[in-house]
PDB file of all heavy atoms in Angstrom:
ATOM      1  N   HIS A   1     147.606  70.897 139.705  1.00  0.00           N
ATOM      2  CA  HIS A   1     148.442  72.083 139.447  1.00  0.00           C
ATOM      3  C   HIS A   1     149.490  72.146 140.574  1.00  0.00           C
ATOM      4  O   HIS A   1     149.167  72.597 141.672  1.00  0.00           O
ATOM      5  CB  HIS A   1     147.514  73.312 139.438  1.00  0.00           C
ATOM      6  CG  HIS A   1     148.191  74.555 138.935  1.00  0.00           C
ATOM      7  ND1 HIS A   1     147.522  75.755 138.793  1.00  0.00           N
ATOM      8  CD2 HIS A   1     149.440  74.790 138.489  1.00  0.00           C
ATOM      9  CE1 HIS A   1     148.339  76.649 138.305  1.00  0.00           C
ATOM     10  NE2 HIS A   1     149.519  76.121 138.095  1.00  0.00           N
ATOM     11  N   VAL A   2     150.658  71.635 140.293  1.00  0.00           N
ATOM     12  CA  VAL A   2     151.650  71.400 141.378  1.00  0.00           C
ATOM     13  C   VAL A   2     152.638  72.518 141.604  1.00  0.00           C
ATOM     14  O   VAL A   2     153.198  72.650 142.699  1.00  0.00           O
ATOM     15  CB  VAL A   2     152.375  70.039 141.219  1.00  0.00           C
ATOM     16  CG1 VAL A   2     151.425  68.888 141.389  1.00  0.00           C
ATOM     17  CG2 VAL A   2     153.113  69.977 139.881  1.00  0.00           C
ATOM     18  N   LEU A   3     152.853  73.339 140.548  1.00  0.00           N
ATOM     19  CA  LEU A   3     153.700  74.550 140.751  1.00  0.00           C
ATOM     20  C   LEU A   3     152.868  75.734 140.218  1.00  0.00           C
ATOM     21  O   LEU A   3     152.408  75.703 139.076  1.00  0.00           O
ATOM     22  CB  LEU A   3     155.025  74.465 140.021  1.00  0.00           C
ATOM     23  CG  LEU A   3     156.045  73.485 140.525  1.00  0.00           C
ATOM     24  CD1 LEU A   3     157.304  73.481 139.648  1.00  0.00           C
ATOM     25  CD2 LEU A   3     156.407  73.708 141.991  1.00  0.00           C
ATOM     26  N   LYS A   4     152.699  76.751 141.018  1.00  0.00           N
ATOM     27  CA  LYS A   4     151.820  77.880 140.685  1.00  0.00           C
ATOM     28  C   LYS A   4     152.579  79.171 140.765  1.00  0.00           C
ATOM     29  O   LYS A   4     152.974  79.614 141.826  1.00  0.00           O
ATOM     30  CB  LYS A   4     150.634  77.909 141.683  1.00  0.00           C
ATOM     31  CG  LYS A   4     149.846  76.584 141.712  1.00  0.00           C
ATOM     32  CD  LYS A   4     148.859  76.608 142.856  1.00  0.00           C
ATOM     33  CE  LYS A   4     148.128  75.258 142.952  1.00  0.00           C
ATOM     34  NZ  LYS A   4     147.255  75.152 144.125  1.00  0.00           N
ATOM     35  N   ASP A   5     152.805  79.784 139.606  1.00  0.00           N
ATOM     36  CA  ASP A   5     153.407  81.161 139.567  1.00  0.00           C
ATOM     37  C   ASP A   5     154.717  81.198 140.336  1.00  0.00           C
ATOM     38  O   ASP A   5     154.938  82.133 141.082  1.00  0.00           O
ATOM     39  CB  ASP A   5     152.471  82.200 140.091  1.00  0.00           C
ATOM     40  CG  ASP A   5     151.086  82.149 139.465  1.00  0.00           C
ATOM     41  OD1 ASP A   5     151.065  82.087 138.218  1.00  0.00           O
ATOM     42  OD2 ASP A   5     150.098  82.163 140.180  1.00  0.00           O
ATOM     43  N   VAL A   6     155.590  80.205 140.163  1.00  0.00           N
ATOM     44  CA  VAL A   6     156.827  80.164 140.944  1.00  0.00           C
ATOM     45  C   VAL A   6     157.886  81.028 140.287  1.00  0.00           C
ATOM     46  O   VAL A   6     158.273  80.802 139.125  1.00  0.00           O
ATOM     47  CB  VAL A   6     157.344  78.728 141.109  1.00  0.00           C
ATOM     48  CG1 VAL A   6     158.723  78.727 141.743  1.00  0.00           C
ATOM     49  CG2 VAL A   6     156.369  77.914 141.978  1.00  0.00           C
ATOM     50  N   THR A   7     158.340  82.055 141.020  1.00  0.00           N
ATOM     51  CA  THR A   7     159.446  82.883 140.552  1.00  0.00           C
ATOM     52  C   THR A   7     160.522  82.816 141.642  1.00  0.00           C
ATOM     53  O   THR A   7     160.246  83.090 142.802  1.00  0.00           O
ATOM     54  CB  THR A   7     159.013  84.328 140.339  1.00  0.00           C
ATOM     55  OG1 THR A   7     158.114  84.340 139.217  1.00  0.00           O
ATOM     56  CG2 THR A   7     160.158  85.253 140.007  1.00  0.00           C
ATOM     57  N   LEU A   8     161.724  82.427 141.226  1.00  0.00           N
ATOM     58  CA  LEU A   8     162.816  82.241 142.219  1.00  0.00           C
ATOM     59  C   LEU A   8     164.137  82.511 141.510  1.00  0.00           C
ATOM     60  O   LEU A   8     164.345  82.076 140.400  1.00  0.00           O
ATOM     61  CB  LEU A   8     162.806  80.792 142.746  1.00  0.00           C
ATOM     62  CG  LEU A   8     163.903  80.401 143.695  1.00  0.00           C
ATOM     63  CD1 LEU A   8     163.742  81.142 145.049  1.00  0.00           C
ATOM     64  CD2 LEU A   8     163.895  78.909 143.935  1.00  0.00           C
ATOM     65  N   ARG A   9     165.012  83.286 142.216  1.00  0.00           N
ATOM     66  CA  ARG A   9     166.315  83.528 141.669  1.00  0.00           C
ATOM     67  C   ARG A   9     167.379  83.054 142.672  1.00  0.00           C
ATOM     68  O   ARG A   9     167.215  83.318 143.849  1.00  0.00           O
ATOM     69  CB  ARG A   9     166.505  85.007 141.355  1.00  0.00           C
ATOM     70  CG  ARG A   9     165.683  85.445 140.170  1.00  0.00           C
ATOM     71  CD  ARG A   9     165.906  86.886 139.767  1.00  0.00           C
ATOM     72  NE  ARG A   9     165.366  87.139 138.422  1.00  0.00           N
ATOM     73  CZ  ARG A   9     164.063  87.391 138.214  1.00  0.00           C
ATOM     74  NH1 ARG A   9     163.239  87.430 139.206  1.00  0.00           N
ATOM     75  NH2 ARG A   9     163.633  87.582 136.981  1.00  0.00           N
ATOM     76  N   VAL A  10     168.385  82.395 142.170  1.00  0.00           N
ATOM     77  CA  VAL A  10     169.486  81.907 143.031  1.00  0.00           C
ATOM     78  C   VAL A  10     170.774  82.489 142.471  1.00  0.00           C
ATOM     79  O   VAL A  10     171.115  82.283 141.313  1.00  0.00           O
ATOM     80  CB  VAL A  10     169.530  80.360 143.025  1.00  0.00           C
ATOM     81  CG1 VAL A  10     170.658  79.891 143.932  1.00  0.00           C
ATOM     82  CG2 VAL A  10     168.188  79.789 143.479  1.00  0.00           C
ATOM     83  N   ALA A  11     171.513  83.218 143.329  1.00  0.00           N
ATOM     84  CA  ALA A  11     172.743  83.841 142.876  1.00  0.00           C
ATOM     85  C   ALA A  11     173.886  82.822 142.895  1.00  0.00           C
ATOM     86  O   ALA A  11     173.826  81.812 143.539  1.00  0.00           O
ATOM     87  CB  ALA A  11     173.085  84.989 143.848  1.00  0.00           C
ATOM     88  N   PRO A  12     174.959  83.091 142.135  1.00  0.00           N
ATOM     89  CA  PRO A  12     176.133  82.214 142.211  1.00  0.00           C
ATOM     90  C   PRO A  12     176.625  82.126 143.632  1.00  0.00           C
ATOM     91  O   PRO A  12     176.634  83.100 144.400  1.00  0.00           O
ATOM     92  CB  PRO A  12     177.163  82.975 141.345  1.00  0.00           C
ATOM     93  CG  PRO A  12     176.345  83.785 140.383  1.00  0.00           C
ATOM     94  CD  PRO A  12     175.140  84.216 141.184  1.00  0.00           C
ATOM     95  N   ARG A  13     176.980  80.900 144.055  1.00  0.00           N
ATOM     96  CA  ARG A  13     177.513  80.607 145.387  1.00  0.00           C
ATOM     97  C   ARG A  13     176.490  80.662 146.504  1.00  0.00           C
ATOM     98  O   ARG A  13     176.822  80.484 147.683  1.00  0.00           O
ATOM     99  CB  ARG A  13     178.680  81.539 145.744  1.00  0.00           C
ATOM    100  CG  ARG A  13     179.848  81.508 144.752  1.00  0.00           C
ATOM    101  CD  ARG A  13     180.892  82.567 145.040  1.00  0.00           C
ATOM    102  NE  ARG A  13     181.671  82.199 146.224  1.00  0.00           N
ATOM    103  CZ  ARG A  13     182.744  81.423 146.301  1.00  0.00           C
ATOM    104  NH1 ARG A  13     183.169  80.874 145.173  1.00  0.00           N
ATOM    105  NH2 ARG A  13     183.364  81.191 147.384  1.00  0.00           N
ATOM    106  N   GLU A  14     175.221  80.893 146.141  1.00  0.00           N
ATOM    107  CA  GLU A  14     174.163  80.968 147.154  1.00  0.00           C
ATOM    108  C   GLU A  14     173.663  79.565 147.507  1.00  0.00           C
ATOM    109  O   GLU A  14     173.597  78.679 146.663  1.00  0.00           O
ATOM    110  CB  GLU A  14     172.995  81.823 146.691  1.00  0.00           C
ATOM    111  CG  GLU A  14     171.991  82.084 147.772  1.00  0.00           C
ATOM    112  CD  GLU A  14     170.844  83.004 147.295  1.00  0.00           C
ATOM    113  OE1 GLU A  14     170.639  83.168 146.105  1.00  0.00           O
ATOM    114  OE2 GLU A  14     170.137  83.530 148.186  1.00  0.00           O
ATOM    115  N   VAL A  15     173.259  79.374 148.770  1.00  0.00           N
ATOM    116  CA  VAL A  15     172.654  78.094 149.224  1.00  0.00           C
ATOM    117  C   VAL A  15     171.220  78.386 149.589  1.00  0.00           C
ATOM    118  O   VAL A  15     170.931  79.159 150.535  1.00  0.00           O
ATOM    119  CB  VAL A  15     173.430  77.495 150.403  1.00  0.00           C
ATOM    120  CG1 VAL A  15     172.727  76.191 150.881  1.00  0.00           C
ATOM    121  CG2 VAL A  15     174.865  77.167 150.043  1.00  0.00           C
ATOM    122  N   VAL A  16     170.293  77.853 148.821  1.00  0.00           N
ATOM    123  CA  VAL A  16     168.888  78.036 149.050  1.00  0.00           C
ATOM    124  C   VAL A  16     168.305  76.691 149.522  1.00  0.00           C
ATOM    125  O   VAL A  16     168.442  75.690 148.841  1.00  0.00           O
ATOM    126  CB  VAL A  16     168.149  78.533 147.765  1.00  0.00           C
ATOM    127  CG1 VAL A  16     166.658  78.547 147.968  1.00  0.00           C
ATOM    128  CG2 VAL A  16     168.657  79.919 147.412  1.00  0.00           C
ATOM    129  N   VAL A  17     167.679  76.759 150.685  1.00  0.00           N
ATOM    130  CA  VAL A  17     167.052  75.533 151.230  1.00  0.00           C
ATOM    131  C   VAL A  17     165.509  75.701 151.120  1.00  0.00           C
ATOM    132  O   VAL A  17     164.934  76.738 151.549  1.00  0.00           O
ATOM    133  CB  VAL A  17     167.424  75.313 152.695  1.00  0.00           C
ATOM    134  CG1 VAL A  17     166.628  74.144 153.286  1.00  0.00           C
ATOM    135  CG2 VAL A  17     168.914  74.987 152.783  1.00  0.00           C
ATOM    136  N   VAL A  18     164.871  74.722 150.484  1.00  0.00           N
ATOM    137  CA  VAL A  18     163.444  74.755 150.224  1.00  0.00           C
ATOM    138  C   VAL A  18     162.742  73.839 151.194  1.00  0.00           C
ATOM    139  O   VAL A  18     163.081  72.649 151.292  1.00  0.00           O
ATOM    140  CB  VAL A  18     163.119  74.333 148.783  1.00  0.00           C
ATOM    141  CG1 VAL A  18     161.618  74.475 148.473  1.00  0.00           C
ATOM    142  CG2 VAL A  18     163.948  75.150 147.779  1.00  0.00           C
ATOM    143  N   VAL A  19     161.824  74.394 151.976  1.00  0.00           N
ATOM    144  CA  VAL A  19     161.122  73.601 153.005  1.00  0.00           C
ATOM    145  C   VAL A  19     159.622  73.791 152.780  1.00  0.00           C
ATOM    146  O   VAL A  19     159.178  74.715 152.075  1.00  0.00           O
ATOM    147  CB  VAL A  19     161.515  74.044 154.450  1.00  0.00           C
ATOM    148  CG1 VAL A  19     163.013  73.925 154.675  1.00  0.00           C
ATOM    149  CG2 VAL A  19     161.049  75.486 154.739  1.00  0.00           C
ATOM    150  N   GLY A  20     158.865  72.901 153.450  1.00  0.00           N
ATOM    151  CA  GLY A  20     157.424  72.985 153.352  1.00  0.00           C
ATOM    152  C   GLY A  20     156.796  71.635 153.562  1.00  0.00           C
ATOM    153  O   GLY A  20     157.528  70.587 153.561  1.00  0.00           O
ATOM    154  N   PRO A  21     155.488  71.562 153.736  1.00  0.00           N
ATOM    155  CA  PRO A  21     154.840  70.277 153.969  1.00  0.00           C
ATOM    156  C   PRO A  21     154.913  69.355 152.768  1.00  0.00           C
ATOM    157  O   PRO A  21     155.185  69.803 151.650  1.00  0.00           O
ATOM    158  CB  PRO A  21     153.349  70.703 154.252  1.00  0.00           C
ATOM    159  CG  PRO A  21     153.212  72.034 153.700  1.00  0.00           C
ATOM    160  CD  PRO A  21     154.543  72.695 153.750  1.00  0.00           C
ATOM    161  N   SER A  22     154.721  68.059 153.000  1.00  0.00           N
ATOM    162  CA  SER A  22     154.690  67.092 151.906  1.00  0.00           C
ATOM    163  C   SER A  22     153.613  67.527 150.897  1.00  0.00           C
ATOM    164  O   SER A  22     152.543  67.985 151.272  1.00  0.00           O
ATOM    165  CB  SER A  22     154.377  65.705 152.444  1.00  0.00           C
ATOM    166  OG  SER A  22     155.423  65.289 153.261  1.00  0.00           O
ATOM    167  N   GLY A  23     153.940  67.348 149.606  1.00  0.00           N
ATOM    168  CA  GLY A  23     152.977  67.676 148.569  1.00  0.00           C
ATOM    169  C   GLY A  23     152.939  69.144 148.239  1.00  0.00           C
ATOM    170  O   GLY A  23     152.042  69.582 147.478  1.00  0.00           O
ATOM    171  N   SER A  24     153.889  69.930 148.745  1.00  0.00           N
ATOM    172  CA  SER A  24     153.823  71.375 148.483  1.00  0.00           C
ATOM    173  C   SER A  24     154.507  71.766 147.164  1.00  0.00           C
ATOM    174  O   SER A  24     154.467  72.907 146.773  1.00  0.00           O
ATOM    175  CB  SER A  24     154.486  72.145 149.646  1.00  0.00           C
ATOM    176  OG  SER A  24     155.829  71.743 149.849  1.00  0.00           O
ATOM    177  N   GLY A  25     155.172  70.774 146.483  1.00  0.00           N
ATOM    178  CA  GLY A  25     155.810  71.058 145.187  1.00  0.00           C
ATOM    179  C   GLY A  25     157.281  71.197 145.230  1.00  0.00           C
ATOM    180  O   GLY A  25     157.954  71.488 144.226  1.00  0.00           O
TER     181      GLY A  25
END
């Protein structure tokens, strides 16, 4: 189960950086 209940919103022109340990999805 590699993605669990993921809710994410990205606005126009927004820069979202996703970080986390290896294997976090």
